[in-house]
Protein backbone atom coordinates (compact mmCIF):
# COMPACT_ATOMS: atom_id res chain seq x y z
CA MET A 1 5.47 -1.69 -4.58
CA LYS A 2 8.40 0.70 -4.79
CA ARG A 3 10.10 1.95 -1.68
CA LEU A 4 8.57 5.04 -0.09
CA THR A 5 10.58 8.15 0.63
CA LEU A 6 9.91 10.62 3.42
CA GLN A 7 8.65 13.16 0.89
CA GLU A 8 6.03 10.71 -0.44
CA MET A 9 4.65 9.96 3.03
CA ASN A 10 1.85 11.90 4.66
CA GLU A 11 2.48 13.93 7.80
CA SER A 12 1.46 11.25 10.29
CA GLN A 13 3.79 8.70 8.70
CA GLN A 14 6.66 11.19 8.69
CA ARG A 15 5.93 11.95 12.34
CA ARG A 16 6.14 8.23 13.18
CA VAL A 17 9.60 8.01 11.59
CA LYS A 18 10.80 11.12 13.44
CA THR A 19 9.34 9.83 16.71
CA GLN A 20 11.19 6.53 16.37
CA LEU A 21 14.42 8.39 15.68
CA ASP A 22 13.88 10.58 18.75
CA GLN A 23 13.04 7.59 20.95
CA GLU A 24 16.20 5.78 19.88
CA ARG A 25 18.30 8.92 20.43
CA LYS A 26 16.82 9.31 23.91
CA ARG A 27 17.33 5.61 24.70
CA LEU A 28 21.01 5.77 23.74
CA GLY A 29 21.55 9.14 25.41
CA ARG A 30 23.57 10.52 22.50
CA GLU A 31 23.26 11.61 18.90
CA LEU A 32 22.80 8.80 16.40
CA THR A 33 25.44 7.95 13.83
CA ASN A 34 24.51 8.03 10.16
CA ALA A 35 24.35 4.22 10.03
CA GLU A 36 22.04 4.06 13.06
CA ASN A 37 19.93 6.87 11.68
CA ASN A 38 19.55 5.16 8.30
CA ARG A 39 18.83 1.76 9.86
CA ILE A 40 16.06 3.15 12.06
CA LYS A 41 14.56 5.07 9.13
CA ASP A 42 14.65 1.97 6.92
CA ASN A 43 12.95 -0.14 9.58
CA ALA A 44 10.24 2.48 10.10
CA ILE A 45 9.66 2.84 6.36
CA ASP A 46 9.45 -0.96 5.99
CA GLU A 47 6.77 -1.11 8.71
CA ILE A 48 4.77 1.66 7.03
CA MET A 49 5.07 -0.03 3.63
CA LYS A 50 3.84 -3.34 5.07
CA GLU A 51 0.80 -1.59 6.54
CA LEU A 52 0.07 0.17 3.25
CA GLU A 53 0.46 -3.05 1.28
CA LYS A 54 -1.86 -4.89 3.66
CA ALA A 55 -4.48 -2.16 3.30
CA ALA A 56 -4.09 -2.14 -0.49
CA SER A 57 -4.49 -5.92 -0.71
CA ALA A 58 -7.65 -5.72 1.40
CA VAL A 59 -9.04 -3.09 -0.97
CA ARG A 60 -8.14 -5.25 -3.99
CA ALA A 61 -9.81 -8.29 -2.43
CA GLU A 62 -12.95 -6.27 -1.68
CA LYS A 63 -13.06 -4.96 -5.26
CA LYS A 64 -12.61 -8.47 -6.62
CA LYS A 65 -15.38 -9.80 -4.39
CA ASN A 66 -17.75 -7.02 -5.42
CA LYS A 67 -16.90 -7.46 -9.09
CA LEU A 68 -18.06 -11.07 -9.21
CA GLN A 69 -21.75 -10.52 -8.47
CA PRO A 70 -23.94 -13.33 -9.81
CA SER A 71 -26.80 -12.15 -12.00
CA GLN A 72 -30.19 -13.75 -12.63
CA GLU A 73 -30.27 -13.21 -16.39
CA THR A 74 -29.03 -15.91 -18.72
CA PHE A 75 -26.47 -15.41 -21.45
CA SER A 76 -27.95 -13.83 -24.55
CA TRP A 77 -26.26 -15.06 -27.72
CA SER A 78 -28.08 -12.56 -29.91
CA ALA A 79 -26.71 -9.63 -27.93
CA ASN A 80 -23.14 -10.66 -28.73
CA THR A 81 -23.47 -11.35 -32.45
CA HIS A 82 -22.72 -8.56 -34.83
CA ILE A 83 -25.47 -7.45 -37.25
CA ARG A 84 -23.28 -7.94 -40.33
CA GLY A 85 -21.89 -11.25 -39.10
CA ARG A 86 -18.29 -12.28 -38.64
CA ARG A 87 -15.78 -11.09 -41.16
């Protein structure tokens, strides 16, 4: 999965990133440097990406489980043979 940008995130995810930046700024009692700002953003984006990947893998597993439904009918050879035969 490619790295998310702030523009690709929805509003709640963007708000989480901004909130973490504000909390860190308040904790330090000063403005953040560019390096600190980028580090906090990267950590927040990594957390969001992990959550999204976990949700996506759960959806994939559910699809895979639903796809493999056993059926009661047996395999029909005549349904899979072409009328004109193999060429």
